């Protein structure tokens, strides 16, 4: 489950940066959970961050990629708790 959540967040981060994404399963899930290909095409149309932020808050996750892309929003650096 965590691999699927991570791939979904990665796709959302790409969409926020102006890419259109597709998540493709290229090996059957019964063989390996890490078989998702993220295909992205630069469109320049950026997606709103609110949906991803709401999803991450609901799941209580903070992926490293999100912290690297948005260091100004990193509540862990500010000493704040991510669980409210």
N, C-alpha and C. Protein backbone atom coordinates (compact mmCIF):
# COMPACT_ATOMS: atom_id res chain seq x y z
N UNK A 1 0.82 -1.19 0.00
CA UNK A 1 0.00 0.00 0.00
C UNK A 1 0.87 1.26 0.00
N UNK A 2 1.96 1.24 0.77
CA UNK A 2 2.79 2.44 0.86
C UNK A 2 3.44 2.78 -0.49
N UNK A 3 3.79 1.77 -1.28
CA UNK A 3 4.38 2.04 -2.60
C UNK A 3 3.38 2.74 -3.51
N UNK A 4 2.11 2.35 -3.44
CA UNK A 4 1.07 2.99 -4.26
C UNK A 4 0.81 4.43 -3.81
N UNK A 5 0.79 4.65 -2.51
CA UNK A 5 0.60 6.01 -1.99
C UNK A 5 1.76 6.90 -2.41
N UNK A 6 2.98 6.39 -2.31
CA UNK A 6 4.16 7.15 -2.70
C UNK A 6 4.11 7.52 -4.18
N UNK A 7 3.76 6.57 -5.02
CA UNK A 7 3.66 6.85 -6.47
C UNK A 7 2.58 7.88 -6.76
N UNK A 8 1.46 7.81 -6.06
CA UNK A 8 0.40 8.79 -6.24
C UNK A 8 0.84 10.19 -5.84
N UNK A 9 1.57 10.31 -4.74
CA UNK A 9 2.09 11.60 -4.31
C UNK A 9 3.11 12.12 -5.31
N UNK A 10 3.97 11.24 -5.81
CA UNK A 10 4.96 11.66 -6.82
C UNK A 10 4.27 12.21 -8.06
N UNK A 11 3.22 11.54 -8.51
CA UNK A 11 2.48 12.01 -9.69
C UNK A 11 1.85 13.37 -9.41
N UNK A 12 1.28 13.55 -8.22
CA UNK A 12 0.68 14.84 -7.87
C UNK A 12 1.74 15.95 -7.82
N UNK A 13 2.91 15.65 -7.29
CA UNK A 13 3.99 16.64 -7.26
C UNK A 13 4.40 17.05 -8.68
N UNK A 14 4.48 16.08 -9.58
CA UNK A 14 4.80 16.40 -10.97
C UNK A 14 3.72 17.29 -11.59
N UNK A 15 2.47 17.01 -11.31
CA UNK A 15 1.37 17.82 -11.85
C UNK A 15 1.43 19.24 -11.31
N UNK A 16 1.84 19.40 -10.06
CA UNK A 16 2.01 20.74 -9.49
C UNK A 16 3.12 21.52 -10.18
N UNK A 17 4.08 20.80 -10.74
CA UNK A 17 5.20 21.43 -11.43
C UNK A 17 4.90 21.67 -12.91
N UNK A 18 3.69 21.31 -13.36
CA UNK A 18 3.30 21.60 -14.73
C UNK A 18 3.40 20.42 -15.69
N UNK A 19 3.31 19.20 -15.18
CA UNK A 19 3.35 18.01 -16.02
C UNK A 19 2.00 17.32 -16.02
N UNK A 20 1.66 16.67 -17.11
CA UNK A 20 0.51 15.78 -17.17
C UNK A 20 1.07 14.38 -16.93
N UNK A 21 0.49 13.64 -16.00
CA UNK A 21 1.05 12.35 -15.62
C UNK A 21 0.10 11.20 -15.91
N UNK A 22 0.70 10.03 -16.10
CA UNK A 22 -0.01 8.76 -16.20
C UNK A 22 0.73 7.76 -15.36
N UNK A 23 0.00 6.98 -14.58
CA UNK A 23 0.58 5.89 -13.80
C UNK A 23 0.23 4.59 -14.51
N UNK A 24 1.25 3.84 -14.90
CA UNK A 24 1.04 2.62 -15.68
C UNK A 24 1.62 1.41 -14.95
N UNK A 25 0.83 0.35 -14.85
CA UNK A 25 1.30 -0.90 -14.28
C UNK A 25 1.94 -1.72 -15.40
N UNK A 26 3.25 -1.99 -15.30
CA UNK A 26 3.89 -2.72 -16.39
C UNK A 26 4.28 -4.14 -16.03
N UNK A 27 4.11 -4.55 -14.78
CA UNK A 27 4.25 -5.94 -14.35
C UNK A 27 3.06 -6.21 -13.43
N UNK A 28 2.46 -7.37 -13.51
CA UNK A 28 1.29 -7.66 -12.70
C UNK A 28 1.60 -7.49 -11.21
N UNK A 29 0.65 -6.90 -10.46
CA UNK A 29 0.84 -6.60 -9.03
C UNK A 29 1.15 -7.85 -8.19
N UNK A 30 0.73 -8.99 -8.62
CA UNK A 30 0.99 -10.20 -7.82
C UNK A 30 2.47 -10.57 -7.81
N UNK A 31 3.25 -10.05 -8.77
CA UNK A 31 4.67 -10.37 -8.84
C UNK A 31 5.53 -9.41 -8.02
N UNK A 32 5.20 -8.13 -8.04
CA UNK A 32 5.95 -7.14 -7.27
C UNK A 32 5.10 -5.90 -7.07
N UNK A 33 5.15 -5.29 -5.87
CA UNK A 33 4.37 -4.07 -5.64
C UNK A 33 4.99 -2.82 -6.27
N UNK A 34 6.27 -2.89 -6.60
CA UNK A 34 6.96 -1.71 -7.14
C UNK A 34 7.08 -1.84 -8.65
N UNK A 35 5.94 -1.75 -9.32
CA UNK A 35 5.95 -1.94 -10.76
C UNK A 35 5.20 -0.82 -11.49
N UNK A 36 5.08 0.32 -10.87
CA UNK A 36 4.34 1.43 -11.47
C UNK A 36 5.32 2.35 -12.21
N UNK A 37 4.99 2.62 -13.45
CA UNK A 37 5.75 3.56 -14.26
C UNK A 37 5.00 4.88 -14.24
N UNK A 38 5.71 5.96 -13.90
CA UNK A 38 5.12 7.29 -13.93
C UNK A 38 5.61 7.96 -15.21
N UNK A 39 4.67 8.20 -16.11
CA UNK A 39 5.01 8.86 -17.37
C UNK A 39 4.51 10.30 -17.27
N UNK A 40 5.40 11.26 -17.58
CA UNK A 40 5.03 12.67 -17.45
C UNK A 40 5.42 13.44 -18.71
N UNK A 41 4.53 14.35 -19.10
CA UNK A 41 4.76 15.21 -20.26
C UNK A 41 4.57 16.66 -19.79
N UNK A 42 5.57 17.50 -20.07
CA UNK A 42 5.51 18.91 -19.65
C UNK A 42 4.44 19.64 -20.44
N UNK A 43 3.46 20.22 -19.72
CA UNK A 43 2.40 20.99 -20.35
C UNK A 43 2.43 22.46 -19.93
N UNK A 44 3.01 22.72 -18.77
CA UNK A 44 3.03 24.07 -18.24
C UNK A 44 1.81 24.42 -17.42
N UNK A 45 0.78 23.57 -17.43
CA UNK A 45 -0.43 23.80 -16.63
C UNK A 45 -0.21 23.21 -15.24
N UNK A 46 -0.04 24.08 -14.27
CA UNK A 46 0.25 23.63 -12.91
C UNK A 46 -1.05 23.35 -12.14
N UNK A 47 -1.00 22.30 -11.35
CA UNK A 47 -2.14 21.88 -10.55
C UNK A 47 -2.03 22.52 -9.16
N UNK A 48 -3.17 22.76 -8.52
CA UNK A 48 -3.21 23.32 -7.18
C UNK A 48 -2.63 22.32 -6.17
N UNK A 49 -1.93 22.82 -5.15
CA UNK A 49 -1.30 21.98 -4.13
C UNK A 49 -2.29 21.47 -3.08
N UNK A 50 -3.44 22.06 -2.98
CA UNK A 50 -4.37 21.78 -1.88
C UNK A 50 -4.78 20.31 -1.80
N UNK A 51 -5.09 19.68 -2.92
CA UNK A 51 -5.52 18.27 -2.89
C UNK A 51 -4.44 17.36 -2.33
N UNK A 52 -3.20 17.56 -2.79
CA UNK A 52 -2.09 16.73 -2.30
C UNK A 52 -1.84 16.98 -0.83
N UNK A 53 -1.87 18.23 -0.42
CA UNK A 53 -1.64 18.55 0.98
C UNK A 53 -2.71 17.94 1.88
N UNK A 54 -3.95 17.98 1.44
CA UNK A 54 -5.05 17.36 2.20
C UNK A 54 -4.86 15.85 2.30
N UNK A 55 -4.46 15.22 1.18
CA UNK A 55 -4.24 13.78 1.18
C UNK A 55 -3.10 13.40 2.12
N UNK A 56 -2.00 14.14 2.07
CA UNK A 56 -0.85 13.83 2.93
C UNK A 56 -1.20 14.03 4.40
N UNK A 57 -1.97 15.06 4.69
CA UNK A 57 -2.39 15.29 6.08
C UNK A 57 -3.29 14.16 6.57
N UNK A 58 -4.23 13.71 5.73
CA UNK A 58 -5.13 12.62 6.12
C UNK A 58 -4.38 11.31 6.36
N UNK A 59 -3.33 11.08 5.57
CA UNK A 59 -2.55 9.85 5.69
C UNK A 59 -1.40 9.97 6.68
N UNK A 60 -1.16 11.17 7.19
CA UNK A 60 -0.04 11.44 8.11
C UNK A 60 1.30 11.04 7.51
N UNK A 61 1.54 11.49 6.27
CA UNK A 61 2.81 11.20 5.60
C UNK A 61 3.47 12.51 5.18
N UNK A 62 4.79 12.50 5.13
CA UNK A 62 5.59 13.63 4.65
C UNK A 62 6.76 13.06 3.84
N UNK A 63 6.56 12.78 2.56
CA UNK A 63 7.63 12.20 1.76
C UNK A 63 8.81 13.17 1.60
N UNK A 64 9.99 12.60 1.51
CA UNK A 64 11.21 13.40 1.36
C UNK A 64 11.15 14.27 0.11
N UNK A 65 10.62 13.76 -0.98
CA UNK A 65 10.56 14.52 -2.22
C UNK A 65 9.76 15.81 -2.03
N UNK A 66 8.67 15.75 -1.29
CA UNK A 66 7.87 16.93 -1.03
C UNK A 66 8.67 17.94 -0.20
N UNK A 67 9.40 17.47 0.79
CA UNK A 67 10.21 18.36 1.63
C UNK A 67 11.34 18.99 0.82
N UNK A 68 11.89 18.26 -0.13
CA UNK A 68 12.97 18.80 -0.97
C UNK A 68 12.45 19.84 -1.96
N UNK A 69 11.26 19.61 -2.51
CA UNK A 69 10.69 20.55 -3.48
C UNK A 69 10.15 21.82 -2.82
N UNK A 70 9.64 21.67 -1.60
CA UNK A 70 9.03 22.81 -0.89
C UNK A 70 9.65 22.96 0.49
N UNK A 71 10.94 23.30 0.58
CA UNK A 71 11.58 23.41 1.90
C UNK A 71 10.97 24.51 2.77
N UNK A 72 10.38 25.54 2.14
CA UNK A 72 9.78 26.63 2.91
C UNK A 72 8.53 26.16 3.67
N UNK A 73 7.94 25.05 3.26
CA UNK A 73 6.74 24.53 3.91
C UNK A 73 7.04 23.41 4.89
N UNK A 74 8.30 23.12 5.11
CA UNK A 74 8.68 21.98 5.94
C UNK A 74 8.44 22.30 7.41
N UNK A 75 7.34 21.80 7.95
CA UNK A 75 7.00 22.07 9.34
C UNK A 75 7.98 21.39 10.30
N UNK A 76 8.66 20.32 9.85
CA UNK A 76 9.61 19.65 10.72
C UNK A 76 10.81 20.54 11.01
N UNK A 77 11.21 21.36 10.04
CA UNK A 77 12.32 22.28 10.26
C UNK A 77 11.94 23.40 11.22
N UNK A 78 10.66 23.75 11.25
CA UNK A 78 10.18 24.83 12.10
C UNK A 78 9.85 24.34 13.50
N UNK A 79 10.00 23.03 13.74
CA UNK A 79 9.71 22.48 15.05
C UNK A 79 8.25 22.22 15.32
N UNK A 80 7.42 22.24 14.28
CA UNK A 80 6.00 22.00 14.44
C UNK A 80 5.69 20.52 14.25
N UNK A 81 4.62 20.07 14.84
CA UNK A 81 4.16 18.71 14.67
C UNK A 81 3.33 18.61 13.40
N UNK A 82 3.46 17.47 12.67
CA UNK A 82 2.63 17.29 11.48
C UNK A 82 1.30 16.64 11.83
N UNK A 83 1.19 16.08 13.02
CA UNK A 83 -0.05 15.46 13.46
C UNK A 83 -0.78 16.46 14.34
N UNK A 84 -2.00 16.77 13.95
CA UNK A 84 -2.78 17.78 14.71
C UNK A 84 -3.89 17.13 15.45
